[in-house]
C-alpha atoms as a PDB file:
ATOM      1  CA  UNK A   1      -7.368  12.271   8.219  1.00  0.00           C
ATOM      2  CA  UNK A   2      -3.947  11.873   8.025  1.00  0.00           C
ATOM      3  CA  UNK A   3      -2.281  15.032   6.613  1.00  0.00           C
ATOM      4  CA  UNK A   4      -0.528  13.863   3.656  1.00  0.00           C
ATOM      5  CA  UNK A   5       2.606  16.453   4.177  1.00  0.00           C
ATOM      6  CA  UNK A   6       3.419  16.249   7.986  1.00  0.00           C
ATOM      7  CA  UNK A   7       0.891  13.228   8.908  1.00  0.00           C
ATOM      8  CA  UNK A   8      -1.180  15.759  11.132  1.00  0.00           C
ATOM      9  CA  UNK A   9      -4.348  14.992  11.941  1.00  0.00           C
ATOM     10  CA  UNK A  10      -7.037  17.210  10.393  1.00  0.00           C
ATOM     11  CA  UNK A  11     -10.577  17.073   9.284  1.00  0.00           C
ATOM     12  CA  UNK A  12     -13.295  18.505   6.914  1.00  0.00           C
ATOM     13  CA  UNK A  13     -13.323  22.331   7.308  1.00  0.00           C
ATOM     14  CA  UNK A  14     -10.717  22.367  10.065  1.00  0.00           C
ATOM     15  CA  UNK A  15      -6.210  22.470   9.530  1.00  0.00           C
ATOM     16  CA  UNK A  16      -3.891  19.918   9.958  1.00  0.00           C
ATOM     17  CA  UNK A  17      -3.064  19.713  14.115  1.00  0.00           C
ATOM     18  CA  UNK A  18       0.152  19.102  13.196  1.00  0.00           C
ATOM     19  CA  UNK A  19       1.703  21.565  10.610  1.00  0.00           C
ATOM     20  CA  UNK A  20      -2.187  24.089  10.612  1.00  0.00           C
ATOM     21  CA  UNK A  21      -2.469  23.493   6.815  1.00  0.00           C
ATOM     22  CA  UNK A  22      -5.985  24.547   6.020  1.00  0.00           C
ATOM     23  CA  UNK A  23      -8.002  21.402   5.132  1.00  0.00           C
ATOM     24  CA  UNK A  24      -8.491  23.468   1.348  1.00  0.00           C
ATOM     25  CA  UNK A  25      -5.094  23.629   0.758  1.00  0.00           C
ATOM     26  CA  UNK A  26      -4.294  19.804   1.744  1.00  0.00           C
ATOM     27  CA  UNK A  27      -6.358  18.512  -0.098  1.00  0.00           C
ATOM     28  CA  UNK A  28      -5.728  20.978  -3.191  1.00  0.00           C
ATOM     29  CA  UNK A  29      -2.005  20.289  -2.967  1.00  0.00           C
ATOM     30  CA  UNK A  30      -2.682  16.158  -3.478  1.00  0.00           C
ATOM     31  CA  UNK A  31      -1.432  15.016  -7.254  1.00  0.00           C
ATOM     32  CA  UNK A  32       0.270  11.687  -8.435  1.00  0.00           C
ATOM     33  CA  UNK A  33       0.914  12.771 -11.858  1.00  0.00           C
ATOM     34  CA  UNK A  34       3.373  10.410 -12.252  1.00  0.00           C
ATOM     35  CA  UNK A  35       0.541   7.843 -11.501  1.00  0.00           C
ATOM     36  CA  UNK A  36      -1.439   9.167 -14.251  1.00  0.00           C
ATOM     37  CA  UNK A  37       1.530   9.329 -16.421  1.00  0.00           C
ATOM     38  CA  UNK A  38       1.997   5.344 -15.766  1.00  0.00           C
ATOM     39  CA  UNK A  39      -2.499   4.910 -16.363  1.00  0.00           C
ATOM     40  CA  UNK A  40      -1.430   6.184 -19.821  1.00  0.00           C
ATOM     41  CA  UNK A  41       1.614   3.689 -20.756  1.00  0.00           C
ATOM     42  CA  UNK A  42      -0.161   1.033 -19.079  1.00  0.00           C
ATOM     43  CA  UNK A  43      -2.940   1.328 -21.209  1.00  0.00           C
ATOM     44  CA  UNK A  44      -0.882   1.684 -24.751  1.00  0.00           C
ATOM     45  CA  UNK A  45       1.057  -1.232 -23.467  1.00  0.00           C
ATOM     46  CA  UNK A  46      -1.840  -3.429 -23.330  1.00  0.00           C
ATOM     47  CA  UNK A  47      -3.182  -2.259 -26.309  1.00  0.00           C
ATOM     48  CA  UNK A  48      -0.542  -3.222 -28.353  1.00  0.00           C
ATOM     49  CA  UNK A  49      -0.431  -6.524 -26.059  1.00  0.00           C
ATOM     50  CA  UNK A  50       2.638  -6.387 -25.262  1.00  0.00           C
ATOM     51  CA  UNK A  51       3.611  -7.044 -20.987  1.00  0.00           C
ATOM     52  CA  UNK A  52       3.024  -4.593 -18.565  1.00  0.00           C
ATOM     53  CA  UNK A  53       4.560  -6.098 -15.551  1.00  0.00           C
ATOM     54  CA  UNK A  54       7.181  -3.521 -15.252  1.00  0.00           C
ATOM     55  CA  UNK A  55       4.670  -0.524 -14.894  1.00  0.00           C
ATOM     56  CA  UNK A  56       2.856  -2.922 -12.636  1.00  0.00           C
ATOM     57  CA  UNK A  57       5.775  -2.431  -9.936  1.00  0.00           C
ATOM     58  CA  UNK A  58       6.310   1.492 -10.629  1.00  0.00           C
ATOM     59  CA  UNK A  59       2.304   1.368 -10.063  1.00  0.00           C
ATOM     60  CA  UNK A  60       2.515  -0.430  -6.403  1.00  0.00           C
ATOM     61  CA  UNK A  61       5.553   1.968  -5.619  1.00  0.00           C
ATOM     62  CA  UNK A  62       3.257   4.563  -6.497  1.00  0.00           C
ATOM     63  CA  UNK A  63       0.397   3.566  -4.354  1.00  0.00           C
ATOM     64  CA  UNK A  64       2.343   2.930  -1.548  1.00  0.00           C
ATOM     65  CA  UNK A  65       4.151   5.957  -1.097  1.00  0.00           C
ATOM     66  CA  UNK A  66       0.245   8.242  -2.065  1.00  0.00           C
ATOM     67  CA  UNK A  67      -2.599   9.843  -0.509  1.00  0.00           C
ATOM     68  CA  UNK A  68      -5.448   9.715  -2.770  1.00  0.00           C
ATOM     69  CA  UNK A  69      -8.475  11.565  -2.604  1.00  0.00           C
ATOM     70  CA  UNK A  70     -11.698   9.286  -1.502  1.00  0.00           C
ATOM     71  CA  UNK A  71     -15.424  10.450  -1.527  1.00  0.00           C
ATOM     72  CA  UNK A  72     -16.444   8.842   2.167  1.00  0.00           C
ATOM     73  CA  UNK A  73     -19.783  10.179   4.610  1.00  0.00           C
ATOM     74  CA  UNK A  74     -19.284   9.578   8.250  1.00  0.00           C
ATOM     75  CA  UNK A  75     -22.814   8.859   9.784  1.00  0.00           C
ATOM     76  CA  UNK A  76     -23.127   8.119  13.083  1.00  0.00           C
ATOM     77  CA  UNK A  77     -19.735   6.552  13.177  1.00  0.00           C
ATOM     78  CA  UNK A  78     -20.255   4.280  10.085  1.00  0.00           C
ATOM     79  CA  UNK A  79     -18.297   5.038   7.018  1.00  0.00           C
ATOM     80  CA  UNK A  80     -20.065   5.187   3.715  1.00  0.00           C
ATOM     81  CA  UNK A  81     -17.656   4.966   0.111  1.00  0.00           C
ATOM     82  CA  UNK A  82     -18.480   5.920  -3.205  1.00  0.00           C
ATOM     83  CA  UNK A  83     -18.273   3.038  -5.167  1.00  0.00           C
ATOM     84  CA  UNK A  84     -19.250   1.355  -8.604  1.00  0.00           C
ATOM     85  CA  UNK A  85     -20.585  -1.517  -9.795  1.00  0.00           C
ATOM     86  CA  UNK A  86     -20.043  -3.468 -12.897  1.00  0.00           C
ATOM     87  CA  UNK A  87     -19.774  -6.655 -14.317  1.00  0.00           C
ATOM     88  CA  UNK A  88     -16.380  -7.361 -12.440  1.00  0.00           C
ATOM     89  CA  UNK A  89     -17.780  -6.136  -9.256  1.00  0.00           C
ATOM     90  CA  UNK A  90     -18.053  -3.929  -6.907  1.00  0.00           C
ATOM     91  CA  UNK A  91     -15.082  -1.111  -6.598  1.00  0.00           C
ATOM     92  CA  UNK A  92     -14.057   1.830  -4.984  1.00  0.00           C
ATOM     93  CA  UNK A  93     -13.251   5.266  -6.384  1.00  0.00           C
ATOM     94  CA  UNK A  94     -10.038   7.049  -5.845  1.00  0.00           C
ATOM     95  CA  UNK A  95      -8.525   9.737  -7.288  1.00  0.00           C
ATOM     96  CA  UNK A  96      -5.181  10.864  -7.741  1.00  0.00           C
ATOM     97  CA  UNK A  97      -6.375  14.767  -7.983  1.00  0.00           C
ATOM     98  CA  UNK A  98      -8.723  17.643  -6.703  1.00  0.00           C
ATOM     99  CA  UNK A  99      -9.607  17.976 -10.699  1.00  0.00           C
ATOM    100  CA  UNK A 100      -9.950  14.358 -10.947  1.00  0.00           C
ATOM    101  CA  UNK A 101     -12.001  14.483  -8.187  1.00  0.00           C
ATOM    102  CA  UNK A 102     -14.515  17.221  -9.580  1.00  0.00           C
ATOM    103  CA  UNK A 103     -14.701  15.508 -13.179  1.00  0.00           C
ATOM    104  CA  UNK A 104     -16.748  12.879 -11.352  1.00  0.00           C
ATOM    105  CA  UNK A 105     -19.520  15.658  -9.591  1.00  0.00           C
ATOM    106  CA  UNK A 106     -18.542  14.369  -6.507  1.00  0.00           C
ATOM    107  CA  UNK A 107     -21.084  16.840  -4.194  1.00  0.00           C
ATOM    108  CA  UNK A 108     -19.409  14.901  -1.031  1.00  0.00           C
ATOM    109  CA  UNK A 109     -16.166  16.473   0.207  1.00  0.00           C
ATOM    110  CA  UNK A 110     -12.690  14.774  -0.654  1.00  0.00           C
ATOM    111  CA  UNK A 111     -11.410  12.981   2.293  1.00  0.00           C
ATOM    112  CA  UNK A 112      -7.707  12.072   2.114  1.00  0.00           C
ATOM    113  CA  UNK A 113      -5.438   9.174   4.010  1.00  0.00           C
ATOM    114  CA  UNK A 114      -2.650   7.642   3.024  1.00  0.00           C
ATOM    115  CA  UNK A 115      -2.965   4.294   0.404  1.00  0.00           C
ATOM    116  CA  UNK A 116      -2.273   2.402   3.353  1.00  0.00           C
ATOM    117  CA  UNK A 117      -5.256   3.367   5.354  1.00  0.00           C
ATOM    118  CA  UNK A 118      -7.084   3.004   2.314  1.00  0.00           C
ATOM    119  CA  UNK A 119      -5.941  -0.537   1.946  1.00  0.00           C
ATOM    120  CA  UNK A 120      -8.586  -0.380   4.960  1.00  0.00           C
ATOM    121  CA  UNK A 121     -11.527  -0.615   2.903  1.00  0.00           C
ATOM    122  CA  UNK A 122     -11.229  -3.344   1.747  1.00  0.00           C
ATOM    123  CA  UNK A 123     -14.182  -5.931   2.568  1.00  0.00           C
ATOM    124  CA  UNK A 124     -15.488  -9.342   1.182  1.00  0.00           C
ATOM    125  CA  UNK A 125     -17.933  -6.870  -0.600  1.00  0.00           C
ATOM    126  CA  UNK A 126     -15.244  -4.911  -2.764  1.00  0.00           C
ATOM    127  CA  UNK A 127     -13.728  -6.377  -5.227  1.00  0.00           C
ATOM    128  CA  UNK A 128     -10.757  -3.465  -5.514  1.00  0.00           C
ATOM    129  CA  UNK A 129     -10.329   0.276  -6.907  1.00  0.00           C
ATOM    130  CA  UNK A 130     -10.843   2.375  -9.733  1.00  0.00           C
ATOM    131  CA  UNK A 131      -8.756   5.482  -9.978  1.00  0.00           C
ATOM    132  CA  UNK A 132     -10.173   8.749 -12.204  1.00  0.00           C
ATOM    133  CA  UNK A 133     -13.338   6.877 -13.493  1.00  0.00           C
ATOM    134  CA  UNK A 134     -14.010   9.785 -15.612  1.00  0.00           C
ATOM    135  CA  UNK A 135     -10.958  10.485 -17.407  1.00  0.00           C
ATOM    136  CA  UNK A 136      -7.457   7.612 -18.284  1.00  0.00           C
ATOM    137  CA  UNK A 137      -9.000   5.637 -15.582  1.00  0.00           C
ATOM    138  CA  UNK A 138      -7.040   2.781 -13.823  1.00  0.00           C
ATOM    139  CA  UNK A 139      -9.100  -0.695 -12.768  1.00  0.00           C
ATOM    140  CA  UNK A 140      -6.519  -2.107  -9.219  1.00  0.00           C
ATOM    141  CA  UNK A 141      -7.992  -5.358  -8.575  1.00  0.00           C
ATOM    142  CA  UNK A 142      -8.376  -7.695  -5.704  1.00  0.00           C
ATOM    143  CA  UNK A 143      -5.515 -10.258  -7.323  1.00  0.00           C
ATOM    144  CA  UNK A 144      -3.488  -7.123  -7.770  1.00  0.00           C
ATOM    145  CA  UNK A 145      -4.033  -5.150  -4.288  1.00  0.00           C
ATOM    146  CA  UNK A 146      -3.547  -9.220  -2.492  1.00  0.00           C
ATOM    147  CA  UNK A 147      -0.109  -9.370  -4.885  1.00  0.00           C
ATOM    148  CA  UNK A 148       1.717  -6.007  -3.741  1.00  0.00           C
ATOM    149  CA  UNK A 149      -0.235  -5.519  -0.286  1.00  0.00           C
ATOM    150  CA  UNK A 150      -3.548  -7.576   1.285  1.00  0.00           C
ATOM    151  CA  UNK A 151      -0.730 -10.106   1.527  1.00  0.00           C
ATOM    152  CA  UNK A 152       1.817  -8.068   4.211  1.00  0.00           C
ATOM    153  CA  UNK A 153      -0.784  -5.928   6.320  1.00  0.00           C
END
């Protein structure tokens, strides 16, 4: 994992190699309150059948500068990511902060990486991301990711 503060590497229950910040503190310090406000505003605009074009581009800026929490297990050099499936497809769960992560009752320790690294979790079996599934959730479909991120990676 990459420390969102200083870019050093760290692992579960180990300090960042660059800044020596403890794992629990790194995870607890991750917050994306503006992103959560955008989710609410986008929901209100959609309910009123108004355009969310500006908010979508603001969300892209927030995402590219984020380090979100991801429920991932690593065993024998293989990655297993917590997903949810609905009628639209299979979505990887992401969270803006530890409080949102804990609402999902995850027994998997929270991990984090810059959003650009999280995009590498996308494969042909994944249709996008759902952020904060247990509260004001935001679905980030593959079409949106291709428009803003996947085309230039």
